[in-house]
Amino acid sequence: MGLIARVRKEWFIIGIVLVITCAKLAPSVGVKGGPLRPEITITYVAVSVIFFNSGLSLKTEELASALMHVKLHFFVQTFTLVFFPIAIWLLLKFWPLTAINEWLLRG
């Protein structure tokens, strides 16, 4: 196996090693407030690109099929956005009556 073929096969590992080496040589580039602005680029741009890329990889038939499960989506959204917050809120109202540390409850 030639060098070019090996590099093509192991491109991800080589890329990781290069990025780690660059970070070791110039750590000021990736710090908060540095030229890459990781507080913006990672928080918003990178996450958005990852989700967008995941959405592009969905097949149209699978997406249409998933959209037809309205009852399931309604249940999941209701449980996540209504039931779970109310249950945690009620639990936090009763836990101070126990011997649990106040700062643990705040966390």
PDB file of N, CA and C in Angstrom:
ATOM      1  N   MET A   1       0.853  -1.167   0.000  1.00  0.00           N
ATOM      2  CA  MET A   1       0.000   0.000   0.000  1.00  0.00           C
ATOM      3  C   MET A   1       0.902   1.235   0.000  1.00  0.00           C
ATOM      4  N   GLY A   2       0.666   2.116  -0.976  1.00  0.00           N
ATOM      5  CA  GLY A   2       1.472   3.312  -1.102  1.00  0.00           C
ATOM      6  C   GLY A   2       1.119   4.364  -0.052  1.00  0.00           C
ATOM      7  N   LEU A   3       1.968   5.363   0.013  1.00  0.00           N
ATOM      8  CA  LEU A   3       1.782   6.425   1.001  1.00  0.00           C
ATOM      9  C   LEU A   3       0.470   7.180   0.778  1.00  0.00           C
ATOM     10  N   ILE A   4       0.161   7.503  -0.465  1.00  0.00           N
ATOM     11  CA  ILE A   4      -1.069   8.244  -0.781  1.00  0.00           C
ATOM     12  C   ILE A   4      -2.295   7.423  -0.390  1.00  0.00           C
ATOM     13  N   ALA A   5      -2.289   6.147  -0.696  1.00  0.00           N
ATOM     14  CA  ALA A   5      -3.417   5.280  -0.360  1.00  0.00           C
ATOM     15  C   ALA A   5      -3.568   5.171   1.156  1.00  0.00           C
ATOM     16  N   ARG A   6      -2.452   5.099   1.850  1.00  0.00           N
ATOM     17  CA  ARG A   6      -2.486   5.002   3.311  1.00  0.00           C
ATOM     18  C   ARG A   6      -3.057   6.289   3.938  1.00  0.00           C
ATOM     19  N   VAL A   7      -2.633   7.456   3.399  1.00  0.00           N
ATOM     20  CA  VAL A   7      -3.129   8.738   3.896  1.00  0.00           C
ATOM     21  C   VAL A   7      -4.631   8.856   3.640  1.00  0.00           C
ATOM     22  N   ARG A   8      -5.087   8.430   2.468  1.00  0.00           N
ATOM     23  CA  ARG A   8      -6.517   8.470   2.167  1.00  0.00           C
ATOM     24  C   ARG A   8      -7.312   7.563   3.095  1.00  0.00           C
ATOM     25  N   LYS A   9      -6.733   6.439   3.457  1.00  0.00           N
ATOM     26  CA  LYS A   9      -7.427   5.503   4.328  1.00  0.00           C
ATOM     27  C   LYS A   9      -7.465   6.015   5.764  1.00  0.00           C
ATOM     28  N   GLU A  10      -6.392   6.620   6.235  1.00  0.00           N
ATOM     29  CA  GLU A  10      -6.271   7.055   7.625  1.00  0.00           C
ATOM     30  C   GLU A  10      -6.412   8.570   7.782  1.00  0.00           C
ATOM     31  N   TRP A  11      -7.174   9.235   6.927  1.00  0.00           N
ATOM     32  CA  TRP A  11      -7.260  10.694   6.916  1.00  0.00           C
ATOM     33  C   TRP A  11      -7.786  11.262   8.226  1.00  0.00           C
ATOM     34  N   PHE A  12      -8.711  10.567   8.882  1.00  0.00           N
ATOM     35  CA  PHE A  12      -9.298  11.103  10.106  1.00  0.00           C
ATOM     36  C   PHE A  12      -8.286  11.112  11.253  1.00  0.00           C
ATOM     37  N   ILE A  13      -7.565  10.019  11.416  1.00  0.00           N
ATOM     38  CA  ILE A  13      -6.540   9.942  12.471  1.00  0.00           C
ATOM     39  C   ILE A  13      -5.442  10.959  12.214  1.00  0.00           C
ATOM     40  N   ILE A  14      -5.034  11.098  10.974  1.00  0.00           N
ATOM     41  CA  ILE A  14      -4.008  12.086  10.632  1.00  0.00           C
ATOM     42  C   ILE A  14      -4.512  13.491  10.935  1.00  0.00           C
ATOM     43  N   GLY A  15      -5.762  13.766  10.623  1.00  0.00           N
ATOM     44  CA  GLY A  15      -6.344  15.066  10.914  1.00  0.00           C
ATOM     45  C   GLY A  15      -6.390  15.348  12.406  1.00  0.00           C
ATOM     46  N   ILE A  16      -6.747  14.348  13.201  1.00  0.00           N
ATOM     47  CA  ILE A  16      -6.782  14.530  14.656  1.00  0.00           C
ATOM     48  C   ILE A  16      -5.389  14.841  15.184  1.00  0.00           C
ATOM     49  N   VAL A  17      -4.396  14.102  14.718  1.00  0.00           N
ATOM     50  CA  VAL A  17      -3.017  14.346  15.163  1.00  0.00           C
ATOM     51  C   VAL A  17      -2.571  15.750  14.762  1.00  0.00           C
ATOM     52  N   LEU A  18      -2.910  16.189  13.554  1.00  0.00           N
ATOM     53  CA  LEU A  18      -2.536  17.535  13.117  1.00  0.00           C
ATOM     54  C   LEU A  18      -3.209  18.619  13.958  1.00  0.00           C
ATOM     55  N   VAL A  19      -4.471  18.447  14.253  1.00  0.00           N
ATOM     56  CA  VAL A  19      -5.194  19.442  15.053  1.00  0.00           C
ATOM     57  C   VAL A  19      -4.633  19.499  16.474  1.00  0.00           C
ATOM     58  N   ILE A  20      -4.358  18.352  17.065  1.00  0.00           N
ATOM     59  CA  ILE A  20      -3.777  18.334  18.412  1.00  0.00           C
ATOM     60  C   ILE A  20      -2.400  18.985  18.413  1.00  0.00           C
ATOM     61  N   THR A  21      -1.603  18.719  17.378  1.00  0.00           N
ATOM     62  CA  THR A  21      -0.279  19.330  17.275  1.00  0.00           C
ATOM     63  C   THR A  21      -0.390  20.843  17.133  1.00  0.00           C
ATOM     64  N   CYS A  22      -1.291  21.314  16.303  1.00  0.00           N
ATOM     65  CA  CYS A  22      -1.491  22.766  16.134  1.00  0.00           C
ATOM     66  C   CYS A  22      -1.959  23.400  17.439  1.00  0.00           C
ATOM     67  N   ALA A  23      -2.844  22.716  18.162  1.00  0.00           N
ATOM     68  CA  ALA A  23      -3.333  23.244  19.435  1.00  0.00           C
ATOM     69  C   ALA A  23      -2.216  23.307  20.467  1.00  0.00           C
ATOM     70  N   LYS A  24      -1.314  22.362  20.414  1.00  0.00           N
ATOM     71  CA  LYS A  24      -0.172  22.365  21.346  1.00  0.00           C
ATOM     72  C   LYS A  24       0.804  23.487  21.006  1.00  0.00           C
ATOM     73  N   LEU A  25       1.025  23.736  19.710  1.00  0.00           N
ATOM     74  CA  LEU A  25       1.980  24.757  19.286  1.00  0.00           C
ATOM     75  C   LEU A  25       1.431  26.177  19.447  1.00  0.00           C
ATOM     76  N   ALA A  26       0.136  26.369  19.224  1.00  0.00           N
ATOM     77  CA  ALA A  26      -0.457  27.709  19.304  1.00  0.00           C
ATOM     78  C   ALA A  26      -1.783  27.658  20.053  1.00  0.00           C
ATOM     79  N   PRO A  27      -1.755  27.472  21.374  1.00  0.00           N
ATOM     80  CA  PRO A  27      -3.011  27.360  22.123  1.00  0.00           C
ATOM     81  C   PRO A  27      -3.801  28.665  22.183  1.00  0.00           C
ATOM     82  N   SER A  28      -3.168  29.784  21.936  1.00  0.00           N
ATOM     83  CA  SER A  28      -3.866  31.072  22.022  1.00  0.00           C
ATOM     84  C   SER A  28      -4.906  31.253  20.919  1.00  0.00           C
ATOM     85  N   VAL A  29      -4.817  30.474  19.874  1.00  0.00           N
ATOM     86  CA  VAL A  29      -5.770  30.591  18.766  1.00  0.00           C
ATOM     87  C   VAL A  29      -7.166  30.138  19.191  1.00  0.00           C
ATOM     88  N   GLY A  30      -7.242  29.110  20.034  1.00  0.00           N
ATOM     89  CA  GLY A  30      -8.538  28.549  20.397  1.00  0.00           C
ATOM     90  C   GLY A  30      -9.084  28.968  21.739  1.00  0.00           C
ATOM     91  N   VAL A  31      -8.423  29.889  22.438  1.00  0.00           N
ATOM     92  CA  VAL A  31      -8.924  30.308  23.748  1.00  0.00           C
ATOM     93  C   VAL A  31     -10.135  31.219  23.605  1.00  0.00           C
ATOM     94  N   LYS A  32     -10.874  31.348  24.699  1.00  0.00           N
ATOM     95  CA  LYS A  32     -12.048  32.218  24.700  1.00  0.00           C
ATOM     96  C   LYS A  32     -11.612  33.644  24.390  1.00  0.00           C
ATOM     97  N   GLY A  33     -12.248  34.259  23.396  1.00  0.00           N
ATOM     98  CA  GLY A  33     -11.884  35.602  22.971  1.00  0.00           C
ATOM     99  C   GLY A  33     -10.779  35.626  21.930  1.00  0.00           C
ATOM    100  N   GLY A  34     -10.257  34.445  21.555  1.00  0.00           N
ATOM    101  CA  GLY A  34      -9.193  34.368  20.558  1.00  0.00           C
ATOM    102  C   GLY A  34      -9.734  34.517  19.151  1.00  0.00           C
ATOM    103  N   PRO A  35      -8.873  34.344  18.156  1.00  0.00           N
ATOM    104  CA  PRO A  35      -9.289  34.537  16.763  1.00  0.00           C
ATOM    105  C   PRO A  35     -10.403  33.596  16.300  1.00  0.00           C
ATOM    106  N   LEU A  36     -10.464  32.397  16.830  1.00  0.00           N
ATOM    107  CA  LEU A  36     -11.512  31.458  16.408  1.00  0.00           C
ATOM    108  C   LEU A  36     -12.850  31.716  17.092  1.00  0.00           C
ATOM    109  N   ARG A  37     -12.851  32.488  18.178  1.00  0.00           N
ATOM    110  CA  ARG A  37     -14.065  32.809  18.925  1.00  0.00           C
ATOM    111  C   ARG A  37     -14.880  31.552  19.242  1.00  0.00           C
ATOM    112  N   PRO A  38     -14.313  30.592  20.000  1.00  0.00           N
ATOM    113  CA  PRO A  38     -15.032  29.341  20.264  1.00  0.00           C
ATOM    114  C   PRO A  38     -16.335  29.531  21.006  1.00  0.00           C
ATOM    115  N   GLU A  39     -16.473  30.620  21.773  1.00  0.00           N
ATOM    116  CA  GLU A  39     -17.736  30.847  22.477  1.00  0.00           C
ATOM    117  C   GLU A  39     -18.881  31.101  21.503  1.00  0.00           C
ATOM    118  N   ILE A  40     -18.573  31.485  20.279  1.00  0.00           N
ATOM    119  CA  ILE A  40     -19.591  31.695  19.242  1.00  0.00           C
ATOM    120  C   ILE A  40     -19.572  30.553  18.238  1.00  0.00           C
ATOM    121  N   THR A  41     -18.387  30.255  17.708  1.00  0.00           N
ATOM    122  CA  THR A  41     -18.300  29.258  16.640  1.00  0.00           C
ATOM    123  C   THR A  41     -18.696  27.859  17.092  1.00  0.00           C
ATOM    124  N   ILE A  42     -18.311  27.466  18.287  1.00  0.00           N
ATOM    125  CA  ILE A  42     -18.666  26.128  18.754  1.00  0.00           C
ATOM    126  C   ILE A  42     -20.109  26.101  19.231  1.00  0.00           C
ATOM    127  N   THR A  43     -20.485  27.103  20.017  1.00  0.00           N
ATOM    128  CA  THR A  43     -21.818  27.113  20.609  1.00  0.00           C
ATOM    129  C   THR A  43     -22.914  27.174  19.552  1.00  0.00           C
ATOM    130  N   TYR A  44     -22.736  27.992  18.550  1.00  0.00           N
ATOM    131  CA  TYR A  44     -23.808  28.205  17.574  1.00  0.00           C
ATOM    132  C   TYR A  44     -23.514  27.583  16.209  1.00  0.00           C
ATOM    133  N   VAL A  45     -22.387  27.941  15.631  1.00  0.00           N
ATOM    134  CA  VAL A  45     -22.102  27.531  14.255  1.00  0.00           C
ATOM    135  C   VAL A  45     -21.884  26.027  14.151  1.00  0.00           C
ATOM    136  N   ALA A  46     -20.991  25.474  14.964  1.00  0.00           N
ATOM    137  CA  ALA A  46     -20.668  24.050  14.848  1.00  0.00           C
ATOM    138  C   ALA A  46     -21.878  23.174  15.149  1.00  0.00           C
ATOM    139  N   VAL A  47     -22.615  23.506  16.194  1.00  0.00           N
ATOM    140  CA  VAL A  47     -23.794  22.707  16.539  1.00  0.00           C
ATOM    141  C   VAL A  47     -24.835  22.790  15.426  1.00  0.00           C
ATOM    142  N   SER A  48     -25.039  23.979  14.870  1.00  0.00           N
ATOM    143  CA  SER A  48     -25.997  24.139  13.772  1.00  0.00           C
ATOM    144  C   SER A  48     -25.585  23.333  12.547  1.00  0.00           C
ATOM    145  N   VAL A  49     -24.309  23.359  12.219  1.00  0.00           N
ATOM    146  CA  VAL A  49     -23.811  22.607  11.058  1.00  0.00           C
ATOM    147  C   VAL A  49     -23.988  21.107  11.273  1.00  0.00           C
ATOM    148  N   ILE A  50     -23.717  20.635  12.489  1.00  0.00           N
ATOM    149  CA  ILE A  50     -23.865  19.201  12.775  1.00  0.00           C
ATOM    150  C   ILE A  50     -25.325  18.773  12.608  1.00  0.00           C
ATOM    151  N   PHE A  51     -26.260  19.544  13.180  1.00  0.00           N
ATOM    152  CA  PHE A  51     -27.669  19.178  13.052  1.00  0.00           C
ATOM    153  C   PHE A  51     -28.154  19.310  11.608  1.00  0.00           C
ATOM    154  N   PHE A  52     -27.704  20.345  10.915  1.00  0.00           N
ATOM    155  CA  PHE A  52     -28.090  20.516   9.512  1.00  0.00           C
ATOM    156  C   PHE A  52     -27.588  19.351   8.670  1.00  0.00           C
ATOM    157  N   ASN A  53     -26.348  18.951   8.894  1.00  0.00           N
ATOM    158  CA  ASN A  53     -25.767  17.827   8.165  1.00  0.00           C
ATOM    159  C   ASN A  53     -26.519  16.532   8.476  1.00  0.00           C
ATOM    160  N   SER A  54     -26.912  16.347   9.725  1.00  0.00           N
ATOM    161  CA  SER A  54     -27.689  15.157  10.082  1.00  0.00           C
ATOM    162  C   SER A  54     -29.040  15.165   9.369  1.00  0.00           C
ATOM    163  N   GLY A  55     -29.652  16.338   9.275  1.00  0.00           N
ATOM    164  CA  GLY A  55     -30.929  16.451   8.579  1.00  0.00           C
ATOM    165  C   GLY A  55     -30.803  16.157   7.094  1.00  0.00           C
ATOM    166  N   LEU A  56     -29.700  16.584   6.499  1.00  0.00           N
ATOM    167  CA  LEU A  56     -29.496  16.317   5.073  1.00  0.00           C
ATOM    168  C   LEU A  56     -29.315  14.838   4.787  1.00  0.00           C
ATOM    169  N   SER A  57     -28.823  14.092   5.767  1.00  0.00           N
ATOM    170  CA  SER A  57     -28.579  12.672   5.537  1.00  0.00           C
ATOM    171  C   SER A  57     -29.859  11.831   5.642  1.00  0.00           C
ATOM    172  N   LEU A  58     -30.971  12.437   6.082  1.00  0.00           N
ATOM    173  CA  LEU A  58     -32.230  11.688   6.165  1.00  0.00           C
ATOM    174  C   LEU A  58     -32.809  11.450   4.778  1.00  0.00           C
ATOM    175  N   LYS A  59     -33.345  10.275   4.587  1.00  0.00           N
ATOM    176  CA  LYS A  59     -34.023   9.988   3.333  1.00  0.00           C
ATOM    177  C   LYS A  59     -35.415  10.606   3.381  1.00  0.00           C
ATOM    178  N   THR A  60     -35.889  11.081   2.257  1.00  0.00           N
ATOM    179  CA  THR A  60     -37.188  11.749   2.182  1.00  0.00           C
ATOM    180  C   THR A  60     -38.311  10.824   2.632  1.00  0.00           C
ATOM    181  N   GLU A  61     -38.225   9.550   2.270  1.00  0.00           N
ATOM    182  CA  GLU A  61     -39.261   8.596   2.654  1.00  0.00           C
ATOM    183  C   GLU A  61     -39.300   8.415   4.164  1.00  0.00           C
ATOM    184  N   GLU A  62     -38.105   8.349   4.797  1.00  0.00           N
ATOM    185  CA  GLU A  62     -38.052   8.192   6.247  1.00  0.00           C
ATOM    186  C   GLU A  62     -38.606   9.429   6.950  1.00  0.00           C
ATOM    187  N   LEU A  63     -38.304  10.595   6.429  1.00  0.00           N
ATOM    188  CA  LEU A  63     -38.802  11.835   7.017  1.00  0.00           C
ATOM    189  C   LEU A  63     -40.324  11.905   6.903  1.00  0.00           C
ATOM    190  N   ALA A  64     -40.857  11.566   5.739  1.00  0.00           N
ATOM    191  CA  ALA A  64     -42.308  11.586   5.542  1.00  0.00           C
ATOM    192  C   ALA A  64     -42.983  10.562   6.455  1.00  0.00           C
ATOM    193  N   SER A  65     -42.366   9.408   6.594  1.00  0.00           N
ATOM    194  CA  SER A  65     -42.920   8.375   7.470  1.00  0.00           C
ATOM    195  C   SER A  65     -42.924   8.846   8.927  1.00  0.00           C
ATOM    196  N   ALA A  66     -41.850   9.502   9.346  1.00  0.00           N
ATOM    197  CA  ALA A  66     -41.764   9.988  10.727  1.00  0.00           C
ATOM    198  C   ALA A  66     -42.781  11.086  10.990  1.00  0.00           C
ATOM    199  N   LEU A  67     -43.048  11.916   9.992  1.00  0.00           N
ATOM    200  CA  LEU A  67     -44.017  12.992  10.169  1.00  0.00           C
ATOM    201  C   LEU A  67     -45.442  12.482  10.348  1.00  0.00           C
ATOM    202  N   MET A  68     -45.699  11.269   9.922  1.00  0.00           N
ATOM    203  CA  MET A  68     -47.039  10.708  10.025  1.00  0.00           C
ATOM    204  C   MET A  68     -47.361  10.235  11.447  1.00  0.00           C
ATOM    205  N   HIS A  69     -46.377  10.144  12.325  1.00  0.00           N
ATOM    206  CA  HIS A  69     -46.582   9.681  13.700  1.00  0.00           C
ATOM    207  C   HIS A  69     -46.905  10.875  14.615  1.00  0.00           C
ATOM    208  N   VAL A  70     -47.983  11.556  14.333  1.00  0.00           N
ATOM    209  CA  VAL A  70     -48.350  12.776  15.051  1.00  0.00           C
ATOM    210  C   VAL A  70     -48.636  12.485  16.527  1.00  0.00           C
ATOM    211  N   LYS A  71     -49.332  11.396  16.817  1.00  0.00           N
ATOM    212  CA  LYS A  71     -49.658  11.066  18.207  1.00  0.00           C
ATOM    213  C   LYS A  71     -48.384  10.823  19.021  1.00  0.00           C
ATOM    214  N   LEU A  72     -47.442  10.131  18.444  1.00  0.00           N
ATOM    215  CA  LEU A  72     -46.181   9.866  19.139  1.00  0.00           C
ATOM    216  C   LEU A  72     -45.430  11.168  19.391  1.00  0.00           C
ATOM    217  N   HIS A  73     -45.351  12.031  18.397  1.00  0.00           N
ATOM    218  CA  HIS A  73     -44.667  13.311  18.559  1.00  0.00           C
ATOM    219  C   HIS A  73     -45.348  14.168  19.620  1.00  0.00           C
ATOM    220  N   PHE A  74     -46.675  14.167  19.613  1.00  0.00           N
ATOM    221  CA  PHE A  74     -47.418  14.937  20.603  1.00  0.00           C
ATOM    222  C   PHE A  74     -47.133  14.414  22.012  1.00  0.00           C
ATOM    223  N   PHE A  75     -47.105  13.093  22.161  1.00  0.00           N
ATOM    224  CA  PHE A  75     -46.815  12.493  23.458  1.00  0.00           C
ATOM    225  C   PHE A  75     -45.413  12.863  23.931  1.00  0.00           C
ATOM    226  N   VAL A  76     -44.431  12.732  23.069  1.00  0.00           N
ATOM    227  CA  VAL A  76     -43.045  13.033  23.448  1.00  0.00           C
ATOM    228  C   VAL A  76     -42.894  14.502  23.822  1.00  0.00           C
ATOM    229  N   GLN A  77     -43.455  15.398  23.025  1.00  0.00           N
ATOM    230  CA  GLN A  77     -43.353  16.829  23.313  1.00  0.00           C
ATOM    231  C   GLN A  77     -44.079  17.182  24.613  1.00  0.00           C
ATOM    232  N   THR A  78     -45.254  16.607  24.825  1.00  0.00           N
ATOM    233  CA  THR A  78     -46.005  16.873  26.049  1.00  0.00           C
ATOM    234  C   THR A  78     -45.247  16.364  27.271  1.00  0.00           C
ATOM    235  N   PHE A  79     -44.721  15.165  27.176  1.00  0.00           N
ATOM    236  CA  PHE A  79     -43.976  14.595  28.296  1.00  0.00           C
ATOM    237  C   PHE A  79     -42.730  15.424  28.597  1.00  0.00           C
ATOM    238  N   THR A  80     -42.015  15.828  27.543  1.00  0.00           N
ATOM    239  CA  THR A  80     -40.760  16.561  27.718  1.00  0.00           C
ATOM    240  C   THR A  80     -40.987  17.991  28.189  1.00  0.00           C
ATOM    241  N   LEU A  81     -41.957  18.671  27.614  1.00  0.00           N
ATOM    242  CA  LEU A  81     -42.116  20.100  27.877  1.00  0.00           C
ATOM    243  C   LEU A  81     -43.173  20.438  28.928  1.00  0.00           C
ATOM    244  N   VAL A  82     -44.039  19.480  29.283  1.00  0.00           N
ATOM    245  CA  VAL A  82     -45.086  19.774  30.256  1.00  0.00           C
ATOM    246  C   VAL A  82     -44.951  18.872  31.494  1.00  0.00           C
ATOM    247  N   PHE A  83     -45.071  17.563  31.293  1.00  0.00           N
ATOM    248  CA  PHE A  83     -45.086  16.645  32.421  1.00  0.00           C
ATOM    249  C   PHE A  83     -43.790  16.667  33.223  1.00  0.00           C
ATOM    250  N   PHE A  84     -42.665  16.539  32.562  1.00  0.00           N
ATOM    251  CA  PHE A  84     -41.384  16.449  33.267  1.00  0.00           C
ATOM    252  C   PHE A  84     -41.076  17.726  34.057  1.00  0.00           C
ATOM    253  N   PRO A  85     -41.216  18.930  33.488  1.00  0.00           N
ATOM    254  CA  PRO A  85     -40.975  20.136  34.303  1.00  0.00           C
ATOM    255  C   PRO A  85     -41.920  20.250  35.506  1.00  0.00           C
ATOM    256  N   ILE A  86     -43.190  19.890  35.336  1.00  0.00           N
ATOM    257  CA  ILE A  86     -44.125  19.957  36.456  1.00  0.00           C
ATOM    258  C   ILE A  86     -43.744  18.940  37.534  1.00  0.00           C
ATOM    259  N   ALA A  87     -43.359  17.748  37.123  1.00  0.00           N
ATOM    260  CA  ALA A  87     -42.961  16.718  38.088  1.00  0.00           C
ATOM    261  C   ALA A  87     -41.722  17.161  38.874  1.00  0.00           C
ATOM    262  N   ILE A  88     -40.742  17.726  38.213  1.00  0.00           N
ATOM    263  CA  ILE A  88     -39.528  18.198  38.898  1.00  0.00           C
ATOM    264  C   ILE A  88     -39.872  19.365  39.813  1.00  0.00           C
ATOM    265  N   TRP A  89     -40.731  20.274  39.378  1.00  0.00           N
ATOM    266  CA  TRP A  89     -41.133  21.412  40.199  1.00  0.00           C
ATOM    267  C   TRP A  89     -41.814  20.929  41.484  1.00  0.00           C
ATOM    268  N   LEU A  90     -42.721  19.951  41.349  1.00  0.00           N
ATOM    269  CA  LEU A  90     -43.395  19.402  42.529  1.00  0.00           C
ATOM    270  C   LEU A  90     -42.406  18.691  43.448  1.00  0.00           C
ATOM    271  N   LEU A  91     -41.494  17.946  42.867  1.00  0.00           N
ATOM    272  CA  LEU A  91     -40.486  17.249  43.657  1.00  0.00           C
ATOM    273  C   LEU A  91     -39.630  18.233  44.443  1.00  0.00           C
ATOM    274  N   LEU A  92     -39.267  19.334  43.813  1.00  0.00           N
ATOM    275  CA  LEU A  92     -38.454  20.342  44.489  1.00  0.00           C
ATOM    276  C   LEU A  92     -39.237  21.080  45.574  1.00  0.00           C
ATOM    277  N   LYS A  93     -40.552  21.072  45.497  1.00  0.00           N
ATOM    278  CA  LYS A  93     -41.360  21.681  46.557  1.00  0.00           C
ATOM    279  C   LYS A  93     -41.389  20.801  47.813  1.00  0.00           C
ATOM    280  N   PHE A  94     -41.311  19.483  47.636  1.00  0.00           N
ATOM    281  CA  PHE A  94     -41.371  18.564  48.768  1.00  0.00           C
ATOM    282  C   PHE A  94     -40.008  18.196  49.336  1.00  0.00           C
ATOM    283  N   TRP A  95     -38.961  18.233  48.535  1.00  0.00           N
ATOM    284  CA  TRP A  95     -37.628  17.847  49.007  1.00  0.00           C
ATOM    285  C   TRP A  95     -37.080  18.732  50.114  1.00  0.00           C
ATOM    286  N   PRO A  96     -37.365  20.027  50.155  1.00  0.00           N
ATOM    287  CA  PRO A  96     -36.833  20.815  51.283  1.00  0.00           C
ATOM    288  C   PRO A  96     -37.350  20.338  52.646  1.00  0.00           C
ATOM    289  N   LEU A  97     -38.426  19.588  52.660  1.00  0.00           N
ATOM    290  CA  LEU A  97     -38.945  19.052  53.918  1.00  0.00           C
ATOM    291  C   LEU A  97     -38.106  17.884  54.426  1.00  0.00           C
ATOM    292  N   THR A  98     -37.231  17.364  53.585  1.00  0.00           N
ATOM    293  CA  THR A  98     -36.366  16.248  53.972  1.00  0.00           C
ATOM    294  C   THR A  98     -35.031  16.795  54.461  1.00  0.00           C
ATOM    295  N   ALA A  99     -34.100  15.898  54.731  1.00  0.00           N
ATOM    296  CA  ALA A  99     -32.792  16.287  55.265  1.00  0.00           C
ATOM    297  C   ALA A  99     -31.771  16.569  54.163  1.00  0.00           C
ATOM    298  N   ILE A 100     -32.213  16.722  52.916  1.00  0.00           N
ATOM    299  CA  ILE A 100     -31.288  16.961  51.806  1.00  0.00           C
ATOM    300  C   ILE A 100     -30.724  18.381  51.920  1.00  0.00           C
ATOM    301  N   ASN A 101     -29.445  18.510  51.652  1.00  0.00           N
ATOM    302  CA  ASN A 101     -28.757  19.789  51.720  1.00  0.00           C
ATOM    303  C   ASN A 101     -29.404  20.802  50.773  1.00  0.00           C
ATOM    304  N   GLU A 102     -29.596  22.026  51.270  1.00  0.00           N
ATOM    305  CA  GLU A 102     -30.245  23.083  50.478  1.00  0.00           C
ATOM    306  C   GLU A 102     -29.472  23.387  49.195  1.00  0.00           C
ATOM    307  N   TRP A 103     -28.154  23.372  49.263  1.00  0.00           N
ATOM    308  CA  TRP A 103     -27.334  23.696  48.083  1.00  0.00           C
ATOM    309  C   TRP A 103     -27.394  22.583  47.046  1.00  0.00           C
ATOM    310  N   LEU A 104     -27.600  21.387  47.491  1.00  0.00           N
ATOM    311  CA  LEU A 104     -27.786  20.281  46.540  1.00  0.00           C
ATOM    312  C   LEU A 104     -29.090  20.465  45.773  1.00  0.00           C
ATOM    313  N   LEU A 105     -30.127  20.926  46.451  1.00  0.00           N
ATOM    314  CA  LEU A 105     -31.412  21.177  45.790  1.00  0.00           C
ATOM    315  C   LEU A 105     -31.306  22.338  44.804  1.00  0.00           C
ATOM    316  N   ARG A 106     -30.544  23.352  45.153  1.00  0.00           N
ATOM    317  CA  ARG A 106     -30.385  24.496  44.241  1.00  0.00           C
ATOM    318  C   ARG A 106     -29.679  24.089  42.952  1.00  0.00           C
ATOM    319  N   GLY A 107     -28.793  23.137  43.053  1.00  0.00           N
ATOM    320  CA  GLY A 107     -28.043  22.695  41.871  1.00  0.00           C
ATOM    321  C   GLY A 107     -28.901  21.917  40.954  1.00  0.00           C
TER     322      GLY A 107
END
